[in-house]
Amino acid sequence: MSELAAAQKKSQSEVPATIFYAYKATETKEGEVRSTGWDTFLQAVVDAGLQVSATWPMRTELANRPRGLGSNALASSIVLACRPRSTSASLATRGEFIAALRTELPEAVRVLQSGNIAPVDMAQSTIGPGIKVFSRYAKVVEADGSSMPVSAALAIINDILGEVLDGEEAELDADTRFALTWFSEFCFNPGPAGDADSVANAKNTSLAGIEDSGIGDARAGKFRLYERSELAEGWLPTTDPRLTVWESLQYLIAALERSESEAAELLHTLGGYGERARQLAYLLYQKANDKGWATEAGAYNGLITAWPTLRSGADATAAEAAAPVQEAML
């Protein structure tokens, strides 16, 4: 990585050096997330005296490429803007680094989501903002006085990302929070109804209310969430007496599996609930991916990937609905 050291020496503070990268994290059999490519590359960036000042993911792979079809294959590459680290950069303790991440990473995640970053790309895309924090320090010092390596920083960044995504749960309705928790443990399989009742109470709802909402049902001492193949035909959010974000998302995915136009029309009808459903899709992708439920993770990733097209279709539907009203007023 001597090229990076040379780039650092030639860099001007007002003109950042840009680096393009497309490594993908891997997971060991023991469940540990590792990426030797990231470890080596980013450690070299830091060791060369460079500070990451900005990052942004770029979609460089076609969604219809053979590996991308029906898979959760990485779809984005990342560009870093780097500048020489200030000679007056300070040290930071492990605790200070974690505190800075908890302060700055939530906003970075919101920006990535607003840019419609696919859930499958979120962990990699967050590396950039996380390393931006890490690389501004002269070094991050561990409790034993040693310098924290990039590999350890990446693990912490991934943990904080999980915290940020889990924190978004608080913005959802109680029935959806129950479904999210239950899904994380059982997916769409049955589990003890007594456990479901306890979870419902903890989420400030009730099992009877959950059943009324159309999320799932309890029978013979078991509770399970309804699969998308079991959703009611002709469902309309405007007439649902107990509308939930969970239902909105599941019906959107079911509609998308039939056609983009049907999903776009439903998105128009959902109004603001559509954006909440999109937020939930990020959470459920993370849960499904952590559990190795590839098909289910792919459903949520696919909805986010299709979102710009669905949003355009929903806006067109809104414009068509408004046109007769505007003509009548003229």
C-alpha atoms as a PDB file:
ATOM      1  CA  MET A   1       0.000   0.000   0.000  1.00  0.00           C
ATOM      2  CA  SER A   2       2.953   2.329  -0.597  1.00  0.00           C
ATOM      3  CA  GLU A   3       0.778   4.109  -3.194  1.00  0.00           C
ATOM      4  CA  LEU A   4      -1.437   5.377  -0.367  1.00  0.00           C
ATOM      5  CA  ALA A   5       1.535   6.803   1.494  1.00  0.00           C
ATOM      6  CA  ALA A   6       2.628   8.545  -1.681  1.00  0.00           C
ATOM      7  CA  ALA A   7      -0.888   9.875  -2.206  1.00  0.00           C
ATOM      8  CA  GLN A   8      -0.898  11.248   1.317  1.00  0.00           C
ATOM      9  CA  LYS A   9       2.332  13.163   0.737  1.00  0.00           C
ATOM     10  CA  LYS A  10       1.046  14.648  -2.521  1.00  0.00           C
ATOM     11  CA  SER A  11      -2.447  15.446  -1.213  1.00  0.00           C
ATOM     12  CA  GLN A  12      -3.502  19.040  -0.765  1.00  0.00           C
ATOM     13  CA  SER A  13      -5.884  19.891   2.069  1.00  0.00           C
ATOM     14  CA  GLU A  14      -8.304  21.602  -0.318  1.00  0.00           C
ATOM     15  CA  VAL A  15      -8.287  18.759  -2.886  1.00  0.00           C
ATOM     16  CA  PRO A  16      -9.270  15.350  -1.475  1.00  0.00           C
ATOM     17  CA  ALA A  17      -7.923  12.084  -2.801  1.00  0.00           C
ATOM     18  CA  THR A  18     -10.698   9.710  -3.916  1.00  0.00           C
ATOM     19  CA  ILE A  19     -10.552   5.942  -3.556  1.00  0.00           C
ATOM     20  CA  PHE A  20     -13.019   3.466  -5.063  1.00  0.00           C
ATOM     21  CA  TYR A  21     -13.599   0.122  -3.330  1.00  0.00           C
ATOM     22  CA  ALA A  22     -15.955  -2.850  -3.561  1.00  0.00           C
ATOM     23  CA  TYR A  23     -15.005  -5.489  -0.991  1.00  0.00           C
ATOM     24  CA  LYS A  24     -17.784  -7.482   0.633  1.00  0.00           C
ATOM     25  CA  ALA A  25     -17.828  -8.646   4.249  1.00  0.00           C
ATOM     26  CA  THR A  26     -17.931 -12.399   4.870  1.00  0.00           C
ATOM     27  CA  GLU A  27     -19.078 -14.503   7.795  1.00  0.00           C
ATOM     28  CA  THR A  28     -17.252 -17.429   9.384  1.00  0.00           C
ATOM     29  CA  LYS A  29     -18.916 -20.702  10.390  1.00  0.00           C
ATOM     30  CA  GLU A  30     -18.897 -19.429  13.956  1.00  0.00           C
ATOM     31  CA  GLY A  31     -20.974 -16.408  12.903  1.00  0.00           C
ATOM     32  CA  GLU A  32     -18.156 -13.864  13.189  1.00  0.00           C
ATOM     33  CA  VAL A  33     -18.295 -11.179  10.509  1.00  0.00           C
ATOM     34  CA  ARG A  34     -14.899 -10.827   8.901  1.00  0.00           C
ATOM     35  CA  SER A  35     -13.483  -9.043   5.892  1.00  0.00           C
ATOM     36  CA  THR A  36      -9.765  -9.384   5.404  1.00  0.00           C
ATOM     37  CA  GLY A  37     -10.004  -7.133   2.349  1.00  0.00           C
ATOM     38  CA  TRP A  38     -11.505  -4.326   4.418  1.00  0.00           C
ATOM     39  CA  ASP A  39      -9.095  -4.896   7.290  1.00  0.00           C
ATOM     40  CA  THR A  40      -6.059  -4.678   5.058  1.00  0.00           C
ATOM     41  CA  PHE A  41      -7.225  -1.866   2.815  1.00  0.00           C
ATOM     42  CA  LEU A  42      -8.594   0.496   5.453  1.00  0.00           C
ATOM     43  CA  GLN A  43      -5.708  -0.196   7.838  1.00  0.00           C
ATOM     44  CA  ALA A  44      -3.401   0.941   5.046  1.00  0.00           C
ATOM     45  CA  VAL A  45      -5.455   4.119   4.572  1.00  0.00           C
ATOM     46  CA  VAL A  46      -5.182   4.953   8.278  1.00  0.00           C
ATOM     47  CA  ASP A  47      -1.507   3.981   8.498  1.00  0.00           C
ATOM     48  CA  ALA A  48      -0.748   6.233   5.522  1.00  0.00           C
ATOM     49  CA  GLY A  49      -1.902   9.227   7.560  1.00  0.00           C
ATOM     50  CA  LEU A  50      -5.131   9.710   5.625  1.00  0.00           C
ATOM     51  CA  GLN A  51      -8.438  10.708   7.169  1.00  0.00           C
ATOM     52  CA  VAL A  52     -11.706   9.737   5.493  1.00  0.00           C
ATOM     53  CA  SER A  53     -13.679  12.965   5.062  1.00  0.00           C
ATOM     54  CA  ALA A  54     -16.681  11.698   3.090  1.00  0.00           C
ATOM     55  CA  THR A  55     -18.099   8.507   1.592  1.00  0.00           C
ATOM     56  CA  TRP A  56     -20.952   7.550  -0.681  1.00  0.00           C
ATOM     57  CA  PRO A  57     -22.106   4.232  -2.171  1.00  0.00           C
ATOM     58  CA  MET A  58     -22.532   3.905  -5.927  1.00  0.00           C
ATOM     59  CA  ARG A  59     -24.697   1.336  -7.696  1.00  0.00           C
ATOM     60  CA  THR A  60     -22.236  -0.261 -10.108  1.00  0.00           C
ATOM     61  CA  GLU A  61     -23.789  -3.705 -10.566  1.00  0.00           C
ATOM     62  CA  LEU A  62     -26.855  -4.443 -12.666  1.00  0.00           C
ATOM     63  CA  ALA A  63     -29.812  -5.825 -10.737  1.00  0.00           C
ATOM     64  CA  ASN A  64     -30.463  -8.273 -13.594  1.00  0.00           C
ATOM     65  CA  ARG A  65     -26.957  -9.762 -13.657  1.00  0.00           C
ATOM     66  CA  PRO A  66     -27.028 -13.580 -13.229  1.00  0.00           C
ATOM     67  CA  ARG A  67     -25.744 -13.535  -9.645  1.00  0.00           C
ATOM     68  CA  GLY A  68     -28.048 -10.705  -8.647  1.00  0.00           C
ATOM     69  CA  LEU A  69     -31.275 -12.401  -9.685  1.00  0.00           C
ATOM     70  CA  GLY A  70     -33.025 -13.912  -6.684  1.00  0.00           C
ATOM     71  CA  SER A  71     -30.048 -13.321  -4.412  1.00  0.00           C
ATOM     72  CA  ASN A  72     -28.850 -10.846  -1.816  1.00  0.00           C
ATOM     73  CA  ALA A  73     -25.645 -10.140  -3.743  1.00  0.00           C
ATOM     74  CA  LEU A  74     -23.883  -6.862  -3.073  1.00  0.00           C
ATOM     75  CA  ALA A  75     -25.072  -4.201  -5.491  1.00  0.00           C
ATOM     76  CA  SER A  76     -23.050  -1.136  -4.511  1.00  0.00           C
ATOM     77  CA  SER A  77     -19.426  -0.024  -4.468  1.00  0.00           C
ATOM     78  CA  ILE A  78     -18.125   2.792  -2.294  1.00  0.00           C
ATOM     79  CA  VAL A  79     -16.094   5.928  -2.982  1.00  0.00           C
ATOM     80  CA  LEU A  80     -14.051   7.524  -0.185  1.00  0.00           C
ATOM     81  CA  ALA A  81     -12.785  11.061  -0.146  1.00  0.00           C
ATOM     82  CA  CYS A  82      -9.582  11.272   1.931  1.00  0.00           C
ATOM     83  CA  ARG A  83      -7.444  14.119   3.185  1.00  0.00           C
ATOM     84  CA  PRO A  84      -4.203  14.104   5.190  1.00  0.00           C
ATOM     85  CA  ARG A  85      -4.954  13.701   8.885  1.00  0.00           C
ATOM     86  CA  SER A  86      -4.137  16.818  10.871  1.00  0.00           C
ATOM     87  CA  THR A  87      -0.831  16.699  12.704  1.00  0.00           C
ATOM     88  CA  SER A  88      -2.710  18.028  15.723  1.00  0.00           C
ATOM     89  CA  ALA A  89      -5.210  15.147  15.724  1.00  0.00           C
ATOM     90  CA  SER A  90      -5.892  13.909  19.251  1.00  0.00           C
ATOM     91  CA  LEU A  91      -6.008  10.459  20.795  1.00  0.00           C
ATOM     92  CA  ALA A  92      -9.322   8.862  21.753  1.00  0.00           C
ATOM     93  CA  THR A  93     -10.213   6.116  24.169  1.00  0.00           C
ATOM     94  CA  ARG A  94     -12.340   3.163  23.086  1.00  0.00           C
ATOM     95  CA  GLY A  95     -15.239   4.689  25.011  1.00  0.00           C
ATOM     96  CA  GLU A  96     -14.856   8.060  23.287  1.00  0.00           C
ATOM     97  CA  PHE A  97     -14.820   6.375  19.873  1.00  0.00           C
ATOM     98  CA  ILE A  98     -18.008   4.426  20.665  1.00  0.00           C
ATOM     99  CA  ALA A  99     -19.706   7.565  22.021  1.00  0.00           C
ATOM    100  CA  ALA A 100     -18.824   9.479  18.839  1.00  0.00           C
ATOM    101  CA  LEU A 101     -20.250   6.668  16.699  1.00  0.00           C
ATOM    102  CA  ARG A 102     -23.493   6.640  18.684  1.00  0.00           C
ATOM    103  CA  THR A 103     -23.789  10.385  18.128  1.00  0.00           C
ATOM    104  CA  GLU A 104     -22.924  10.528  14.426  1.00  0.00           C
ATOM    105  CA  LEU A 105     -23.889   7.178  12.891  1.00  0.00           C
ATOM    106  CA  PRO A 106     -27.711   7.549  13.240  1.00  0.00           C
ATOM    107  CA  GLU A 107     -27.740  10.577  10.934  1.00  0.00           C
ATOM    108  CA  ALA A 108     -25.447   8.791   8.461  1.00  0.00           C
ATOM    109  CA  VAL A 109     -27.837   5.812   8.380  1.00  0.00           C
ATOM    110  CA  ARG A 110     -30.821   8.116   7.774  1.00  0.00           C
ATOM    111  CA  VAL A 111     -28.985   9.741   4.860  1.00  0.00           C
ATOM    112  CA  LEU A 112     -28.188   6.329   3.382  1.00  0.00           C
ATOM    113  CA  GLN A 113     -31.800   5.202   3.746  1.00  0.00           C
ATOM    114  CA  SER A 114     -33.074   8.414   2.141  1.00  0.00           C
ATOM    115  CA  GLY A 115     -30.765   7.636  -0.776  1.00  0.00           C
ATOM    116  CA  ASN A 116     -32.514   4.256  -1.073  1.00  0.00           C
ATOM    117  CA  ILE A 117     -29.485   2.159  -0.213  1.00  0.00           C
ATOM    118  CA  ALA A 118     -30.582  -1.480  -0.399  1.00  0.00           C
ATOM    119  CA  PRO A 119     -30.620  -3.300   2.956  1.00  0.00           C
ATOM    120  CA  VAL A 120     -28.064  -5.791   1.625  1.00  0.00           C
ATOM    121  CA  ASP A 121     -25.667  -2.873   1.109  1.00  0.00           C
ATOM    122  CA  MET A 122     -26.297  -1.096   4.421  1.00  0.00           C
ATOM    123  CA  ALA A 123     -23.573  -2.768   6.505  1.00  0.00           C
ATOM    124  CA  GLN A 124     -20.913  -2.071   3.876  1.00  0.00           C
ATOM    125  CA  SER A 125     -22.183   1.451   3.226  1.00  0.00           C
ATOM    126  CA  THR A 126     -21.977   2.282   6.939  1.00  0.00           C
ATOM    127  CA  ILE A 127     -18.302   1.349   7.062  1.00  0.00           C
ATOM    128  CA  GLY A 128     -17.444   4.652   5.401  1.00  0.00           C
ATOM    129  CA  PRO A 129     -19.120   6.970   7.948  1.00  0.00           C
ATOM    130  CA  GLY A 130     -17.786   4.794  10.768  1.00  0.00           C
ATOM    131  CA  ILE A 131     -14.200   4.888   9.536  1.00  0.00           C
ATOM    132  CA  LYS A 132     -14.611   8.627   9.016  1.00  0.00           C
ATOM    133  CA  VAL A 133     -14.974   8.888  12.794  1.00  0.00           C
ATOM    134  CA  PHE A 134     -12.177   6.393  13.501  1.00  0.00           C
ATOM    135  CA  SER A 135      -9.643   7.942  11.115  1.00  0.00           C
ATOM    136  CA  ARG A 136      -9.910  11.490  12.443  1.00  0.00           C
ATOM    137  CA  TYR A 137      -8.091  10.454  15.633  1.00  0.00           C
ATOM    138  CA  ALA A 138      -4.336  10.051  15.764  1.00  0.00           C
ATOM    139  CA  LYS A 139      -5.222   6.654  17.195  1.00  0.00           C
ATOM    140  CA  VAL A 140      -7.894   5.020  19.332  1.00  0.00           C
ATOM    141  CA  VAL A 141      -6.373   3.628  22.509  1.00  0.00           C
ATOM    142  CA  GLU A 142      -7.600   0.369  24.053  1.00  0.00           C
ATOM    143  CA  ALA A 143      -7.823  -0.178  27.831  1.00  0.00           C
ATOM    144  CA  ASP A 144      -4.434  -1.913  27.820  1.00  0.00           C
ATOM    145  CA  GLY A 145      -2.779   1.043  26.074  1.00  0.00           C
ATOM    146  CA  SER A 146      -2.540  -0.617  22.663  1.00  0.00           C
ATOM    147  CA  SER A 147      -3.758   1.009  19.452  1.00  0.00           C
ATOM    148  CA  MET A 148      -7.123  -0.240  18.215  1.00  0.00           C
ATOM    149  CA  PRO A 149      -6.766  -1.937  14.797  1.00  0.00           C
ATOM    150  CA  VAL A 150      -9.209  -1.275  11.993  1.00  0.00           C
ATOM    151  CA  SER A 151     -10.567  -4.835  12.306  1.00  0.00           C
ATOM    152  CA  ALA A 152     -11.777  -4.063  15.845  1.00  0.00           C
ATOM    153  CA  ALA A 153     -13.198  -0.716  14.720  1.00  0.00           C
ATOM    154  CA  LEU A 154     -15.186  -2.433  11.959  1.00  0.00           C
ATOM    155  CA  ALA A 155     -16.729  -4.841  14.475  1.00  0.00           C
ATOM    156  CA  ILE A 156     -17.759  -1.905  16.691  1.00  0.00           C
ATOM    157  CA  ILE A 157     -19.201   0.007  13.723  1.00  0.00           C
ATOM    158  CA  ASN A 158     -21.326  -3.028  12.809  1.00  0.00           C
ATOM    159  CA  ASP A 159     -22.554  -3.320  16.409  1.00  0.00           C
ATOM    160  CA  ILE A 160     -23.538   0.362  16.529  1.00  0.00           C
ATOM    161  CA  LEU A 161     -25.353  -0.016  13.192  1.00  0.00           C
ATOM    162  CA  GLY A 162     -27.417  -2.763  14.821  1.00  0.00           C
ATOM    163  CA  GLU A 163     -28.221  -0.416  17.699  1.00  0.00           C
ATOM    164  CA  VAL A 164     -29.305   2.323  15.293  1.00  0.00           C
ATOM    165  CA  LEU A 165     -31.617   0.027  13.339  1.00  0.00           C
ATOM    166  CA  ASP A 166     -33.091  -1.476  16.503  1.00  0.00           C
ATOM    167  CA  GLY A 167     -33.697   2.024  17.846  1.00  0.00           C
ATOM    168  CA  GLU A 168     -35.981   2.775  14.888  1.00  0.00           C
ATOM    169  CA  GLU A 169     -38.405   0.220  16.317  1.00  0.00           C
ATOM    170  CA  ALA A 170     -39.652   2.828  18.801  1.00  0.00           C
ATOM    171  CA  GLU A 171     -41.318   4.769  15.953  1.00  0.00           C
ATOM    172  CA  LEU A 172     -43.595   1.823  15.048  1.00  0.00           C
ATOM    173  CA  ASP A 173     -47.039   0.963  16.386  1.00  0.00           C
ATOM    174  CA  ALA A 174     -47.317  -1.539  19.257  1.00  0.00           C
ATOM    175  CA  ASP A 175     -48.718  -4.399  17.145  1.00  0.00           C
ATOM    176  CA  THR A 176     -45.868  -4.020  14.643  1.00  0.00           C
ATOM    177  CA  ARG A 177     -43.283  -3.964  17.423  1.00  0.00           C
ATOM    178  CA  PHE A 178     -44.761  -7.243  18.682  1.00  0.00           C
ATOM    179  CA  ALA A 179     -44.622  -8.779  15.187  1.00  0.00           C
ATOM    180  CA  LEU A 180     -41.029  -7.649  14.703  1.00  0.00           C
ATOM    181  CA  THR A 181     -39.944  -9.256  17.976  1.00  0.00           C
ATOM    182  CA  TRP A 182     -41.894 -12.467  17.301  1.00  0.00           C
ATOM    183  CA  PHE A 183     -40.598 -12.688  13.728  1.00  0.00           C
ATOM    184  CA  SER A 184     -37.009 -12.395  14.978  1.00  0.00           C
ATOM    185  CA  GLU A 185     -37.480 -15.594  16.962  1.00  0.00           C
ATOM    186  CA  PHE A 186     -39.955 -17.698  14.972  1.00  0.00           C
ATOM    187  CA  CYS A 187     -40.266 -16.151  11.491  1.00  0.00           C
ATOM    188  CA  PHE A 188     -43.679 -17.411  10.309  1.00  0.00           C
ATOM    189  CA  ASN A 189     -43.496 -20.643  12.295  1.00  0.00           C
ATOM    190  CA  PRO A 190     -45.728 -21.327  15.343  1.00  0.00           C
ATOM    191  CA  GLY A 191     -44.475 -20.703  18.874  1.00  0.00           C
ATOM    192  CA  PRO A 192     -45.949 -20.983  22.366  1.00  0.00           C
ATOM    193  CA  ALA A 193     -49.041 -18.797  22.748  1.00  0.00           C
ATOM    194  CA  GLY A 194     -48.045 -18.076  26.350  1.00  0.00           C
ATOM    195  CA  ASP A 195     -44.769 -16.560  25.130  1.00  0.00           C
ATOM    196  CA  ALA A 196     -46.659 -14.544  22.522  1.00  0.00           C
ATOM    197  CA  ASP A 197     -48.963 -13.175  25.226  1.00  0.00           C
ATOM    198  CA  SER A 198     -45.940 -12.133  27.313  1.00  0.00           C
ATOM    199  CA  VAL A 199     -44.316 -10.382  24.342  1.00  0.00           C
ATOM    200  CA  ALA A 200     -47.579  -8.623  23.497  1.00  0.00           C
ATOM    201  CA  ASN A 201     -47.904  -7.308  27.054  1.00  0.00           C
ATOM    202  CA  ALA A 202     -44.296  -6.104  26.962  1.00  0.00           C
ATOM    203  CA  LYS A 203     -45.058  -4.181  23.739  1.00  0.00           C
ATOM    204  CA  ASN A 204     -48.129  -2.546  25.309  1.00  0.00           C
ATOM    205  CA  THR A 205     -50.661  -4.526  23.285  1.00  0.00           C
ATOM    206  CA  SER A 206     -52.565  -7.811  23.730  1.00  0.00           C
ATOM    207  CA  LEU A 207     -52.770 -11.142  21.951  1.00  0.00           C
ATOM    208  CA  ALA A 208     -56.478 -10.537  21.292  1.00  0.00           C
ATOM    209  CA  GLY A 209     -55.598  -7.188  19.757  1.00  0.00           C
ATOM    210  CA  ILE A 210     -52.900  -8.785  17.639  1.00  0.00           C
ATOM    211  CA  GLU A 211     -55.455 -11.216  16.237  1.00  0.00           C
ATOM    212  CA  ASP A 212     -57.924  -8.376  15.598  1.00  0.00           C
ATOM    213  CA  SER A 213     -55.264  -6.536  13.623  1.00  0.00           C
ATOM    214  CA  GLY A 214     -54.933  -9.447  11.184  1.00  0.00           C
ATOM    215  CA  ILE A 215     -51.241 -10.051  11.890  1.00  0.00           C
ATOM    216  CA  GLY A 216     -51.557 -13.630  13.110  1.00  0.00           C
ATOM    217  CA  ASP A 217     -53.625 -16.038  15.166  1.00  0.00           C
ATOM    218  CA  ALA A 218     -53.444 -18.194  18.279  1.00  0.00           C
ATOM    219  CA  ARG A 219     -54.905 -21.692  18.402  1.00  0.00           C
ATOM    220  CA  ALA A 220     -54.193 -24.966  20.201  1.00  0.00           C
ATOM    221  CA  GLY A 221     -51.704 -23.234  22.481  1.00  0.00           C
ATOM    222  CA  LYS A 222     -49.622 -21.879  19.579  1.00  0.00           C
ATOM    223  CA  PHE A 223     -49.293 -18.492  17.911  1.00  0.00           C
ATOM    224  CA  ARG A 224     -47.966 -17.713  14.455  1.00  0.00           C
ATOM    225  CA  LEU A 225     -47.745 -14.751  12.134  1.00  0.00           C
ATOM    226  CA  TYR A 226     -49.659 -15.001   8.874  1.00  0.00           C
ATOM    227  CA  GLU A 227     -47.557 -15.679   5.798  1.00  0.00           C
ATOM    228  CA  ARG A 228     -48.023 -13.398   2.793  1.00  0.00           C
ATOM    229  CA  SER A 229     -49.780 -16.213   0.915  1.00  0.00           C
ATOM    230  CA  GLU A 230     -52.492 -16.078   3.601  1.00  0.00           C
ATOM    231  CA  LEU A 231     -53.217 -12.362   3.385  1.00  0.00           C
ATOM    232  CA  ALA A 232     -56.823 -11.394   2.732  1.00  0.00           C
ATOM    233  CA  GLU A 233     -57.797 -10.559  -0.837  1.00  0.00           C
ATOM    234  CA  GLY A 234     -59.154  -7.116  -1.524  1.00  0.00           C
ATOM    235  CA  TRP A 235     -57.536  -5.592   1.563  1.00  0.00           C
ATOM    236  CA  LEU A 236     -57.644  -1.792   1.720  1.00  0.00           C
ATOM    237  CA  PRO A 237     -55.714   0.218   4.310  1.00  0.00           C
ATOM    238  CA  THR A 238     -58.398   2.915   4.186  1.00  0.00           C
ATOM    239  CA  THR A 239     -61.023   0.539   5.603  1.00  0.00           C
ATOM    240  CA  ASP A 240     -58.812  -1.401   8.031  1.00  0.00           C
ATOM    241  CA  PRO A 241     -60.033  -0.557  11.566  1.00  0.00           C
ATOM    242  CA  ARG A 242     -56.671  -1.481  13.132  1.00  0.00           C
ATOM    243  CA  LEU A 243     -54.059  -0.589  10.522  1.00  0.00           C
ATOM    244  CA  THR A 244     -50.464  -1.578  11.280  1.00  0.00           C
ATOM    245  CA  VAL A 245     -47.152  -0.906   9.601  1.00  0.00           C
ATOM    246  CA  TRP A 246     -46.535  -4.674   9.617  1.00  0.00           C
ATOM    247  CA  GLU A 247     -49.607  -5.342   7.450  1.00  0.00           C
ATOM    248  CA  SER A 248     -48.771  -2.417   5.179  1.00  0.00           C
ATOM    249  CA  LEU A 249     -45.331  -3.856   4.474  1.00  0.00           C
ATOM    250  CA  GLN A 250     -46.469  -7.453   3.960  1.00  0.00           C
ATOM    251  CA  TYR A 251     -49.273  -6.403   1.587  1.00  0.00           C
ATOM    252  CA  LEU A 252     -46.820  -4.190  -0.333  1.00  0.00           C
ATOM    253  CA  ILE A 253     -44.434  -7.114  -0.845  1.00  0.00           C
ATOM    254  CA  ALA A 254     -47.296  -9.418  -1.855  1.00  0.00           C
ATOM    255  CA  ALA A 255     -48.497  -6.808  -4.356  1.00  0.00           C
ATOM    256  CA  LEU A 256     -44.973  -6.341  -5.733  1.00  0.00           C
ATOM    257  CA  GLU A 257     -44.679 -10.095  -6.295  1.00  0.00           C
ATOM    258  CA  ARG A 258     -47.715  -9.786  -8.591  1.00  0.00           C
ATOM    259  CA  SER A 259     -46.843  -6.527 -10.363  1.00  0.00           C
ATOM    260  CA  GLU A 260     -45.073  -3.206  -9.841  1.00  0.00           C
ATOM    261  CA  SER A 261     -48.176  -1.290 -10.897  1.00  0.00           C
ATOM    262  CA  GLU A 262     -50.286  -2.954  -8.195  1.00  0.00           C
ATOM    263  CA  ALA A 263     -47.637  -2.231  -5.571  1.00  0.00           C
ATOM    264  CA  ALA A 264     -47.351   1.401  -6.719  1.00  0.00           C
ATOM    265  CA  GLU A 265     -51.124   1.856  -6.453  1.00  0.00           C
ATOM    266  CA  LEU A 266     -51.103   0.415  -2.935  1.00  0.00           C
ATOM    267  CA  LEU A 267     -48.185   2.672  -1.983  1.00  0.00           C
ATOM    268  CA  HIS A 268     -50.233   5.659  -3.126  1.00  0.00           C
ATOM    269  CA  THR A 269     -53.171   4.550  -0.956  1.00  0.00           C
ATOM    270  CA  LEU A 270     -50.934   3.981   2.079  1.00  0.00           C
ATOM    271  CA  GLY A 271     -49.727   7.586   2.092  1.00  0.00           C
ATOM    272  CA  GLY A 272     -47.359   8.180   5.031  1.00  0.00           C
ATOM    273  CA  TYR A 273     -47.668   4.568   6.135  1.00  0.00           C
ATOM    274  CA  GLY A 274     -45.681   3.648   3.046  1.00  0.00           C
ATOM    275  CA  GLU A 275     -42.534   5.312   4.369  1.00  0.00           C
ATOM    276  CA  ARG A 276     -42.985   3.591   7.716  1.00  0.00           C
ATOM    277  CA  ALA A 277     -43.292   0.270   5.895  1.00  0.00           C
ATOM    278  CA  ARG A 278     -40.055   1.037   4.065  1.00  0.00           C
ATOM    279  CA  GLN A 279     -38.362   1.718   7.400  1.00  0.00           C
ATOM    280  CA  LEU A 280     -39.633  -1.612   8.721  1.00  0.00           C
ATOM    281  CA  ALA A 281     -38.255  -3.389   5.650  1.00  0.00           C
ATOM    282  CA  TYR A 282     -34.729  -2.336   6.670  1.00  0.00           C
ATOM    283  CA  LEU A 283     -35.280  -3.740  10.168  1.00  0.00           C
ATOM    284  CA  LEU A 284     -36.729  -7.025   8.928  1.00  0.00           C
ATOM    285  CA  TYR A 285     -33.966  -7.473   6.381  1.00  0.00           C
ATOM    286  CA  GLN A 286     -31.431  -7.202   9.196  1.00  0.00           C
ATOM    287  CA  LYS A 287     -33.310  -9.738  11.338  1.00  0.00           C
ATOM    288  CA  ALA A 288     -33.773 -12.213   8.481  1.00  0.00           C
ATOM    289  CA  ASN A 289     -30.192 -11.853   7.280  1.00  0.00           C
ATOM    290  CA  ASP A 290     -28.818 -12.425  10.799  1.00  0.00           C
ATOM    291  CA  LYS A 291     -30.868 -15.633  11.018  1.00  0.00           C
ATOM    292  CA  GLY A 292     -29.814 -16.856   7.581  1.00  0.00           C
ATOM    293  CA  TRP A 293     -33.355 -16.679   6.172  1.00  0.00           C
ATOM    294  CA  ALA A 294     -32.188 -15.773   2.672  1.00  0.00           C
ATOM    295  CA  THR A 295     -35.555 -15.925   0.899  1.00  0.00           C
ATOM    296  CA  GLU A 296     -37.250 -13.700   3.451  1.00  0.00           C
ATOM    297  CA  ALA A 297     -34.306 -11.274   3.498  1.00  0.00           C
ATOM    298  CA  GLY A 298     -34.498 -11.132  -0.290  1.00  0.00           C
ATOM    299  CA  ALA A 299     -38.158 -10.082  -0.153  1.00  0.00           C
ATOM    300  CA  TYR A 300     -37.379  -7.010   1.971  1.00  0.00           C
ATOM    301  CA  ASN A 301     -34.265  -6.160   0.006  1.00  0.00           C
ATOM    302  CA  GLY A 302     -36.261  -6.445  -3.237  1.00  0.00           C
ATOM    303  CA  LEU A 303     -38.904  -4.006  -2.036  1.00  0.00           C
ATOM    304  CA  ILE A 304     -36.311  -1.360  -1.139  1.00  0.00           C
ATOM    305  CA  THR A 305     -34.541  -1.870  -4.462  1.00  0.00           C
ATOM    306  CA  ALA A 306     -37.822  -1.352  -6.320  1.00  0.00           C
ATOM    307  CA  TRP A 307     -38.842   1.633  -4.177  1.00  0.00           C
ATOM    308  CA  PRO A 308     -37.874   4.436  -6.623  1.00  0.00           C
ATOM    309  CA  THR A 309     -40.010   2.827  -9.328  1.00  0.00           C
ATOM    310  CA  LEU A 310     -42.905   2.298  -6.913  1.00  0.00           C
ATOM    311  CA  ARG A 311     -42.617   5.874  -5.644  1.00  0.00           C
ATOM    312  CA  SER A 312     -42.761   7.211  -9.202  1.00  0.00           C
ATOM    313  CA  GLY A 313     -45.813   5.069  -9.908  1.00  0.00           C
ATOM    314  CA  ALA A 314     -47.507   6.215  -6.706  1.00  0.00           C
ATOM    315  CA  ASP A 315     -46.833   9.869  -7.572  1.00  0.00           C
ATOM    316  CA  ALA A 316     -48.274   9.334 -11.049  1.00  0.00           C
ATOM    317  CA  THR A 317     -51.407   7.815  -9.517  1.00  0.00           C
ATOM    318  CA  ALA A 318     -51.730  10.823  -7.203  1.00  0.00           C
ATOM    319  CA  ALA A 319     -51.370  13.209 -10.146  1.00  0.00           C
ATOM    320  CA  GLU A 320     -54.047  11.370 -12.116  1.00  0.00           C
ATOM    321  CA  ALA A 321     -56.409  11.488  -9.136  1.00  0.00           C
ATOM    322  CA  ALA A 322     -55.850  15.219  -8.701  1.00  0.00           C
ATOM    323  CA  ALA A 323     -56.323  16.098 -12.384  1.00  0.00           C
ATOM    324  CA  PRO A 324     -60.181  15.850 -12.503  1.00  0.00           C
ATOM    325  CA  VAL A 325     -60.426  17.947  -9.331  1.00  0.00           C
ATOM    326  CA  GLN A 326     -58.228  20.651 -10.809  1.00  0.00           C
ATOM    327  CA  GLU A 327     -60.209  20.637 -14.089  1.00  0.00           C
ATOM    328  CA  ALA A 328     -63.483  20.960 -12.169  1.00  0.00           C
ATOM    329  CA  MET A 329     -62.183  24.035 -10.379  1.00  0.00           C
ATOM    330  CA  LEU A 330     -61.262  25.796 -13.624  1.00  0.00           C
END
